[in-house]
Amino acid sequence: MDRRGVPSGAPERMDNAMNKIRVGIINVTGYAGVELARILWQHPDVELVSVTGRSAAGKKLGEVFPHLACTGLTITAELEGRVDIVFSAMAHKASAEGIVPLLNKGIRVVDMSADFRLREAAWYPQWYDFDHPAPELLKKAVYGLPELHRDRIKKTELVANPGCYPTSAILGLAPLVKLGLVEPDVIVDSKSGTSGAGRTLTLPTHFAEASDNVRPYGLGGHRHLPEMSQELEALDPQKTVSVTFVPHVVPMTRGIVSTCYAKAKASKLTGGKEELDKIYYDFYRDEPFTRVMQQCPETKHTLGSNLCLLYPVIHQKTGRVVVVSCIDNLVKGAAGQAVQNMNIMFGFPETAGLEALPIYP
């Protein structure tokens, strides 16, 4: 092992700093932050130069996460050195407060909290229990779902990385809502692994509580609900979409499966499964990570990848459309999508650093 924490005999990274952007991560010690570090370290156009985490400041990243020892990075309390873009993986409210000075310096930001996802400042006290510290930035931030907002992402300095549940639900329902094919009342039933709750220890994610158990929560209104409603309503020609969202925690580490239900409008989707497949294929034809499947996907089919796998069906007897949407909540639902947004912002190939296939089983 050399002084950088690189195993002896490991191949050297032949970095040409002139051709790479310099990247920092705020709060690398959470699940989203450490997943970002893993992906960015392998990115061909990136030099990861600074990672923060106040509780672990002064420690080598490899001490806290041995699988990242090869980076040789030291965790610091604040960002150090020059950076071109920062990924903020801080908690809600704290993220917005930390981001504003960076934007004022001309540094681009991808925010992985919810602090810039909602367009209306008045929604933050209701859903996140704080008054937004920078409401003037809400109109400038771009919701970072590339499948819907790629052109705006290219031009922005601030991307609001979507939540994991909304990513799966919006991608599952977008073609139906955009084309006006279903009634406005839609239902999203989602199951997530425990990593979605973050790395902080809590009783519901304790092994004895979560194992052999399925726990519904947020039935009175989950904080990801306004995000889903905002984005789907923006697609709805009638602006009348109404979302019922019920999330569940299931005893696995990673993954989200969202089963979305919507009633087909009269005289719409009369061609059944074949017509529905064509609609979805056409809608996502040029998307590198959102794929329409010929068999129902499972969460393991996306493990460790930036994929969103979709499977739409229609019940001829009821006229109800059912769309199954699967993602890895820490990749397409968090760090992977953040890197995808960075690639778009800097004009890199959109798949750069994200080509890894899912891990199976």
Protein backbone atom coordinates (compact mmCIF):
# COMPACT_ATOMS: atom_id res chain seq x y z
CA MET A 1 0.00 0.00 0.00
CA ASP A 2 1.52 3.34 -0.97
CA ARG A 3 1.05 6.66 0.83
CA ARG A 4 -2.12 7.42 -1.13
CA GLY A 5 -3.78 4.23 0.04
CA VAL A 6 -3.37 2.58 -3.37
CA PRO A 7 -2.54 -1.14 -3.24
CA SER A 8 0.98 -1.94 -4.48
CA GLY A 9 0.97 -2.98 -8.10
CA ALA A 10 -2.33 -1.21 -8.85
CA PRO A 11 -2.39 0.60 -12.22
CA GLU A 12 -1.72 4.32 -12.02
CA ARG A 13 -4.49 6.75 -12.94
CA MET A 14 -3.01 8.69 -15.86
CA ASP A 15 -4.99 11.87 -15.22
CA ASN A 16 -4.59 14.76 -17.58
CA ALA A 17 -5.92 17.55 -15.40
CA MET A 18 -6.20 19.91 -18.37
CA ASN A 19 -8.92 17.72 -19.87
CA LYS A 20 -10.83 16.99 -16.69
CA ILE A 21 -13.21 19.01 -14.55
CA ARG A 22 -12.52 19.30 -10.83
CA VAL A 23 -15.30 17.97 -8.64
CA GLY A 24 -16.19 18.23 -4.96
CA ILE A 25 -18.71 16.33 -2.84
CA ILE A 26 -20.30 17.85 0.26
CA ASN A 27 -21.17 15.15 2.82
CA VAL A 28 -19.46 12.13 1.32
CA THR A 29 -20.25 10.03 4.38
CA GLY A 30 -23.94 9.46 3.58
CA TYR A 31 -25.14 6.72 1.25
CA ALA A 32 -25.67 9.10 -1.67
CA GLY A 33 -22.31 10.77 -1.10
CA VAL A 34 -20.30 7.57 -0.97
CA GLU A 35 -22.06 6.27 -4.07
CA LEU A 36 -21.13 9.51 -5.83
CA ALA A 37 -17.49 9.02 -4.89
CA ARG A 38 -17.53 5.49 -6.27
CA ILE A 39 -19.00 6.57 -9.60
CA LEU A 40 -16.98 9.77 -10.01
CA TRP A 41 -13.65 8.10 -9.27
CA GLN A 42 -14.13 5.96 -12.38
CA HIS A 43 -15.41 8.81 -14.57
CA PRO A 44 -13.09 9.48 -17.53
CA ASP A 45 -13.67 13.25 -17.56
CA VAL A 46 -13.55 13.99 -13.84
CA GLU A 47 -10.94 14.60 -11.18
CA LEU A 48 -12.47 14.13 -7.73
CA VAL A 49 -10.45 16.60 -5.66
CA SER A 50 -12.36 17.33 -2.46
CA VAL A 51 -14.83 15.47 -0.22
CA THR A 52 -16.33 16.74 3.02
CA GLY A 53 -17.91 15.15 6.05
CA ARG A 54 -17.69 16.98 9.33
CA SER A 55 -18.09 13.96 11.61
CA ALA A 56 -15.21 12.21 9.82
CA ALA A 57 -13.07 15.26 9.02
CA GLY A 58 -9.36 14.48 9.06
CA LYS A 59 -9.79 10.80 8.25
CA LYS A 60 -8.79 9.15 5.00
CA LEU A 61 -11.82 8.28 2.89
CA GLY A 62 -10.48 4.72 2.84
CA GLU A 63 -10.61 4.56 6.65
CA VAL A 64 -14.34 5.24 6.63
CA PHE A 65 -15.08 3.32 3.42
CA PRO A 66 -12.33 0.75 2.74
CA HIS A 67 -13.59 0.08 -0.78
CA LEU A 68 -12.59 3.67 -1.65
CA ALA A 69 -9.03 3.47 -0.30
CA CYS A 70 -7.69 3.74 -3.85
CA THR A 71 -8.81 7.38 -4.03
CA GLY A 72 -6.22 8.50 -1.49
CA LEU A 73 -8.57 11.36 -0.54
CA THR A 74 -8.84 12.87 2.93
CA ILE A 75 -12.24 13.90 4.25
CA THR A 76 -12.24 17.58 5.24
CA ALA A 77 -14.70 19.79 7.10
CA GLU A 78 -15.04 22.18 4.14
CA LEU A 79 -14.34 22.00 0.43
CA GLU A 80 -10.71 22.61 -0.42
CA GLY A 81 -9.07 23.89 -3.59
CA ARG A 82 -10.61 24.93 -6.89
CA VAL A 83 -13.70 23.05 -8.07
CA ASP A 84 -15.81 23.39 -11.21
CA ILE A 85 -18.89 21.63 -9.87
CA VAL A 86 -20.08 20.53 -6.45
CA PHE A 87 -22.49 17.77 -5.54
CA SER A 88 -24.32 18.55 -2.32
CA ALA A 89 -25.51 15.50 -0.41
CA MET A 90 -26.43 17.42 2.72
CA ALA A 91 -29.74 17.27 4.56
CA HIS A 92 -32.67 19.49 3.65
CA LYS A 93 -32.33 23.19 4.47
CA ALA A 94 -28.62 22.84 5.28
CA SER A 95 -28.02 22.06 1.63
CA ALA A 96 -29.61 25.29 0.40
CA GLU A 97 -27.68 27.33 2.95
CA GLY A 98 -24.39 25.76 1.84
CA ILE A 99 -25.09 26.03 -1.88
CA VAL A 100 -25.81 29.76 -2.15
CA PRO A 101 -22.18 30.88 -1.55
CA LEU A 102 -20.98 28.38 -4.16
CA LEU A 103 -23.38 29.71 -6.79
CA ASN A 104 -22.28 33.26 -5.97
CA LYS A 105 -18.72 32.19 -6.84
CA GLY A 106 -19.83 30.84 -10.22
CA ILE A 107 -19.52 27.18 -9.23
CA ARG A 108 -22.08 24.84 -10.73
CA VAL A 109 -24.07 22.69 -8.32
CA VAL A 110 -26.10 19.50 -8.37
CA ASP A 111 -28.18 19.45 -5.20
CA MET A 112 -29.28 16.01 -4.04
CA SER A 113 -31.55 17.26 -1.27
CA ALA A 114 -35.11 18.44 -1.89
CA ASP A 115 -34.20 22.08 -1.36
CA PHE A 116 -34.66 23.18 -4.98
CA ARG A 117 -37.06 20.55 -6.34
CA LEU A 118 -40.27 22.41 -5.56
CA ARG A 119 -41.04 25.60 -7.46
CA GLU A 120 -43.07 27.30 -4.73
CA ALA A 121 -41.36 28.53 -1.55
CA ALA A 122 -44.68 28.19 0.32
CA TRP A 123 -44.55 24.42 -0.06
CA TYR A 124 -41.38 24.05 2.05
CA PRO A 125 -42.91 24.87 5.46
CA GLN A 126 -45.76 22.47 4.66
CA TRP A 127 -43.70 19.51 3.44
CA TYR A 128 -40.20 20.03 4.88
CA ASP A 129 -40.82 22.12 8.01
CA PHE A 130 -38.58 25.08 7.14
CA ASP A 131 -38.79 28.44 5.42
CA HIS A 132 -36.67 28.38 2.29
CA PRO A 133 -33.48 30.45 2.73
CA ALA A 134 -33.10 31.29 -0.98
CA PRO A 135 -36.57 31.40 -2.59
CA GLU A 136 -35.27 33.52 -5.47
CA LEU A 137 -33.31 30.49 -6.73
CA LEU A 138 -36.32 28.18 -6.99
CA LYS A 139 -37.28 29.54 -10.41
CA LYS A 140 -33.70 29.25 -11.67
CA ALA A 141 -33.11 25.68 -10.55
CA VAL A 142 -33.85 22.95 -13.10
CA TYR A 143 -35.49 19.71 -12.04
CA GLY A 144 -32.87 17.15 -13.01
CA LEU A 145 -34.86 14.45 -14.74
CA PRO A 146 -33.00 14.26 -18.08
CA GLU A 147 -35.76 12.40 -19.86
CA LEU A 148 -37.99 15.46 -19.44
CA HIS A 149 -35.69 18.46 -18.99
CA ARG A 150 -32.47 17.74 -20.87
CA ASP A 151 -32.42 21.00 -22.82
CA ARG A 152 -32.80 23.12 -19.69
CA ILE A 153 -30.22 21.07 -17.77
CA LYS A 154 -27.65 21.92 -20.47
CA LYS A 155 -27.96 25.62 -19.69
CA THR A 156 -28.35 25.77 -15.93
CA GLU A 157 -25.92 26.37 -13.07
CA LEU A 158 -28.15 24.62 -10.50
CA VAL A 159 -29.76 21.21 -10.87
CA ALA A 160 -32.24 19.89 -8.34
CA ASN A 161 -31.63 16.15 -8.45
CA PRO A 162 -34.99 14.33 -8.24
CA GLY A 163 -36.04 12.16 -5.34
CA CYS A 164 -35.83 8.40 -5.72
CA TYR A 165 -39.56 7.67 -5.49
CA PRO A 166 -40.48 10.49 -7.90
CA THR A 167 -37.89 9.32 -10.43
CA SER A 168 -39.49 5.89 -10.67
CA ALA A 169 -43.07 7.18 -10.61
CA ILE A 170 -42.69 10.08 -13.04
CA LEU A 171 -40.83 7.98 -15.61
CA GLY A 172 -43.48 5.28 -15.27
CA LEU A 173 -46.41 7.65 -15.85
CA ALA A 174 -44.96 10.39 -18.09
CA PRO A 175 -46.00 8.97 -21.50
CA LEU A 176 -49.58 8.38 -20.36
CA VAL A 177 -49.97 11.83 -18.82
CA LYS A 178 -48.12 13.74 -21.55
CA LEU A 179 -50.26 12.22 -24.30
CA GLY A 180 -53.52 12.61 -22.36
CA LEU A 181 -54.28 8.89 -22.46
CA VAL A 182 -55.49 8.35 -18.90
CA GLU A 183 -57.89 9.85 -16.41
CA PRO A 184 -56.29 12.37 -14.05
CA ASP A 185 -56.58 10.24 -10.90
CA VAL A 186 -53.44 8.08 -10.70
CA ILE A 187 -52.08 5.80 -7.97
CA VAL A 188 -48.44 5.07 -7.21
CA ASP A 189 -47.60 2.16 -4.91
CA SER A 190 -43.85 2.02 -4.18
CA LYS A 191 -41.55 -0.32 -2.29
CA SER A 192 -38.04 0.75 -1.31
CA GLY A 193 -35.00 -0.79 0.34
CA THR A 194 -33.85 0.54 3.69
CA SER A 195 -30.95 2.57 2.25
CA GLY A 196 -33.55 5.08 1.10
CA ALA A 197 -33.84 6.20 4.72
CA GLY A 198 -30.19 7.25 4.79
CA ARG A 199 -27.24 6.18 6.91
CA THR A 200 -28.31 7.75 10.20
CA LEU A 201 -29.42 5.08 12.66
CA THR A 202 -33.17 4.96 13.32
CA LEU A 203 -35.43 2.41 14.99
CA PRO A 204 -37.50 1.55 11.85
CA THR A 205 -34.32 0.64 9.90
CA HIS A 206 -32.84 -1.41 12.75
CA PHE A 207 -32.33 -4.97 11.47
CA ALA A 208 -34.76 -6.54 13.95
CA GLU A 209 -37.45 -4.01 12.98
CA ALA A 210 -36.98 -4.09 9.20
CA SER A 211 -36.19 -7.78 8.61
CA ASP A 212 -39.15 -10.03 7.70
CA ASN A 213 -41.35 -6.96 7.61
CA VAL A 214 -43.07 -4.64 5.12
CA ARG A 215 -43.94 -1.22 6.49
CA PRO A 216 -46.27 1.25 4.77
CA TYR A 217 -45.71 4.86 5.80
CA GLY A 218 -46.53 8.40 4.77
CA LEU A 219 -50.16 7.54 4.10
CA GLY A 220 -51.29 11.02 5.07
CA GLY A 221 -48.96 12.56 2.48
CA HIS A 222 -45.32 11.72 1.86
CA ARG A 223 -42.95 14.64 1.18
CA HIS A 224 -42.19 13.27 -2.30
CA LEU A 225 -45.86 13.65 -3.26
CA PRO A 226 -45.73 17.37 -4.23
CA GLU A 227 -42.67 16.65 -6.37
CA MET A 228 -44.53 13.96 -8.31
CA SER A 229 -47.63 16.13 -8.63
CA GLN A 230 -45.64 19.16 -9.80
CA GLU A 231 -43.84 17.30 -12.59
CA LEU A 232 -46.80 15.22 -13.78
CA GLU A 233 -49.13 18.22 -13.76
CA ALA A 234 -46.61 20.10 -15.91
CA LEU A 235 -46.98 17.30 -18.48
CA ASP A 236 -50.77 17.09 -18.27
CA PRO A 237 -52.51 19.00 -21.09
CA GLN A 238 -55.49 19.63 -18.76
CA LYS A 239 -53.38 20.36 -15.65
CA THR A 240 -55.72 18.22 -13.55
CA VAL A 241 -53.58 15.22 -12.59
CA SER A 242 -54.10 13.98 -9.03
CA VAL A 243 -51.63 11.54 -7.44
CA THR A 244 -52.24 9.12 -4.59
CA PHE A 245 -48.85 7.90 -3.37
CA VAL A 246 -48.21 5.16 -0.80
CA PRO A 247 -44.58 4.16 -0.09
CA HIS A 248 -43.42 1.04 1.74
CA VAL A 249 -40.10 -0.07 3.21
CA VAL A 250 -39.17 -3.68 2.47
CA PRO A 251 -36.30 -5.76 3.93
CA MET A 252 -33.64 -5.23 1.28
CA THR A 253 -30.76 -2.78 1.00
CA ARG A 254 -31.28 -1.20 -2.43
CA GLY A 255 -33.96 -0.83 -5.03
CA ILE A 256 -37.36 0.69 -5.70
CA VAL A 257 -40.27 -0.86 -7.53
CA SER A 258 -43.19 1.46 -8.22
CA THR A 259 -46.44 0.04 -9.51
CA CYS A 260 -48.43 2.83 -11.11
CA TYR A 261 -52.16 2.62 -11.85
CA ALA A 262 -54.26 4.81 -14.14
CA LYS A 263 -57.62 4.42 -15.88
CA ALA A 264 -57.48 4.72 -19.67
CA LYS A 265 -59.72 7.42 -21.10
CA ALA A 266 -62.70 6.34 -23.19
CA SER A 267 -61.69 5.44 -26.76
CA LYS A 268 -57.98 5.58 -25.81
CA LEU A 269 -55.54 2.65 -25.85
CA THR A 270 -57.97 0.40 -27.71
CA GLY A 271 -55.02 -1.38 -29.30
CA GLY A 272 -54.11 -3.07 -26.03
CA LYS A 273 -50.62 -4.15 -25.03
CA GLU A 274 -49.14 -3.75 -28.52
CA GLU A 275 -50.25 -0.13 -28.79
CA LEU A 276 -49.13 0.62 -25.24
CA ASP A 277 -45.67 -0.82 -25.84
CA LYS A 278 -45.26 1.28 -28.96
CA ILE A 279 -46.21 4.44 -27.05
CA TYR A 280 -43.58 3.75 -24.42
CA TYR A 281 -40.91 2.69 -26.91
CA ASP A 282 -41.45 5.85 -28.94
CA PHE A 283 -41.44 8.10 -25.86
CA TYR A 284 -38.15 6.70 -24.54
CA ARG A 285 -36.60 5.69 -27.86
CA ASP A 286 -33.46 7.82 -27.52
CA GLU A 287 -33.02 7.55 -23.75
CA PRO A 288 -29.82 5.75 -22.72
CA PHE A 289 -31.04 4.62 -19.31
CA THR A 290 -34.84 4.31 -19.44
CA ARG A 291 -35.82 1.07 -21.11
CA VAL A 292 -39.13 -0.59 -21.90
CA MET A 293 -39.04 -4.29 -21.12
CA GLN A 294 -40.79 -7.32 -22.61
CA GLN A 295 -41.03 -8.97 -19.20
CA CYS A 296 -41.83 -7.55 -15.80
CA PRO A 297 -38.63 -6.17 -14.22
CA GLU A 298 -37.44 -6.76 -10.68
CA THR A 299 -35.28 -4.59 -8.44
CA LYS A 300 -32.30 -6.93 -8.85
CA HIS A 301 -32.39 -6.20 -12.58
CA THR A 302 -31.23 -2.63 -11.82
CA LEU A 303 -28.85 -3.23 -8.88
CA GLY A 304 -25.82 -0.94 -9.07
CA SER A 305 -26.87 0.56 -12.42
CA ASN A 306 -28.35 3.83 -13.63
CA LEU A 307 -31.21 2.06 -15.38
CA CYS A 308 -34.94 2.62 -15.06
CA LEU A 309 -36.79 -0.45 -16.35
CA LEU A 310 -40.44 -0.07 -17.34
CA TYR A 311 -43.15 -2.61 -18.07
CA PRO A 312 -46.59 -1.26 -19.08
CA VAL A 313 -49.68 -3.46 -19.37
CA ILE A 314 -53.40 -2.80 -19.80
CA HIS A 315 -56.26 -4.79 -18.33
CA GLN A 316 -58.81 -5.12 -21.12
CA LYS A 317 -61.68 -5.86 -18.72
CA THR A 318 -61.14 -2.84 -16.47
CA GLY A 319 -59.36 -0.49 -18.90
CA ARG A 320 -56.78 0.16 -16.22
CA VAL A 321 -53.16 0.70 -17.19
CA VAL A 322 -50.54 -0.76 -14.85
CA VAL A 323 -46.91 0.32 -15.21
CA VAL A 324 -44.11 -1.32 -13.24
CA SER A 325 -41.02 0.89 -12.82
CA CYS A 326 -37.75 -0.35 -11.25
CA ILE A 327 -34.63 1.60 -10.28
CA ASP A 328 -31.69 1.38 -7.90
CA ASN A 329 -32.57 4.12 -5.42
CA LEU A 330 -28.91 5.04 -4.85
CA VAL A 331 -27.98 5.22 -8.54
CA LYS A 332 -30.76 6.34 -10.91
CA GLY A 333 -32.59 7.47 -7.78
CA ALA A 334 -29.66 9.55 -6.49
CA ALA A 335 -25.93 9.50 -7.35
CA GLY A 336 -26.11 8.05 -10.86
CA GLN A 337 -28.74 10.52 -11.99
CA ALA A 338 -26.67 13.33 -10.44
CA VAL A 339 -23.68 12.28 -12.56
CA GLN A 340 -25.94 11.98 -15.60
CA ASN A 341 -26.97 15.60 -14.98
CA MET A 342 -23.35 16.68 -14.64
CA ASN A 343 -22.54 15.01 -17.96
CA ILE A 344 -25.31 17.00 -19.65
CA MET A 345 -24.22 20.28 -18.00
CA PHE A 346 -20.64 19.92 -19.25
CA GLY A 347 -21.35 18.39 -22.65
CA PHE A 348 -19.83 15.00 -21.83
CA PRO A 349 -21.30 11.81 -23.29
CA GLU A 350 -24.40 11.28 -21.17
CA THR A 351 -23.41 7.73 -20.31
CA ALA A 352 -19.86 8.62 -19.19
CA GLY A 353 -19.03 6.92 -15.90
CA LEU A 354 -22.40 5.18 -15.87
CA GLU A 355 -21.91 2.30 -18.26
CA ALA A 356 -21.78 -0.40 -15.57
CA LEU A 357 -24.28 -3.19 -16.03
CA PRO A 358 -26.47 -4.29 -13.11
CA ILE A 359 -25.04 -6.73 -10.57
CA TYR A 360 -26.85 -10.06 -10.48
CA PRO A 361 -27.93 -11.91 -8.42
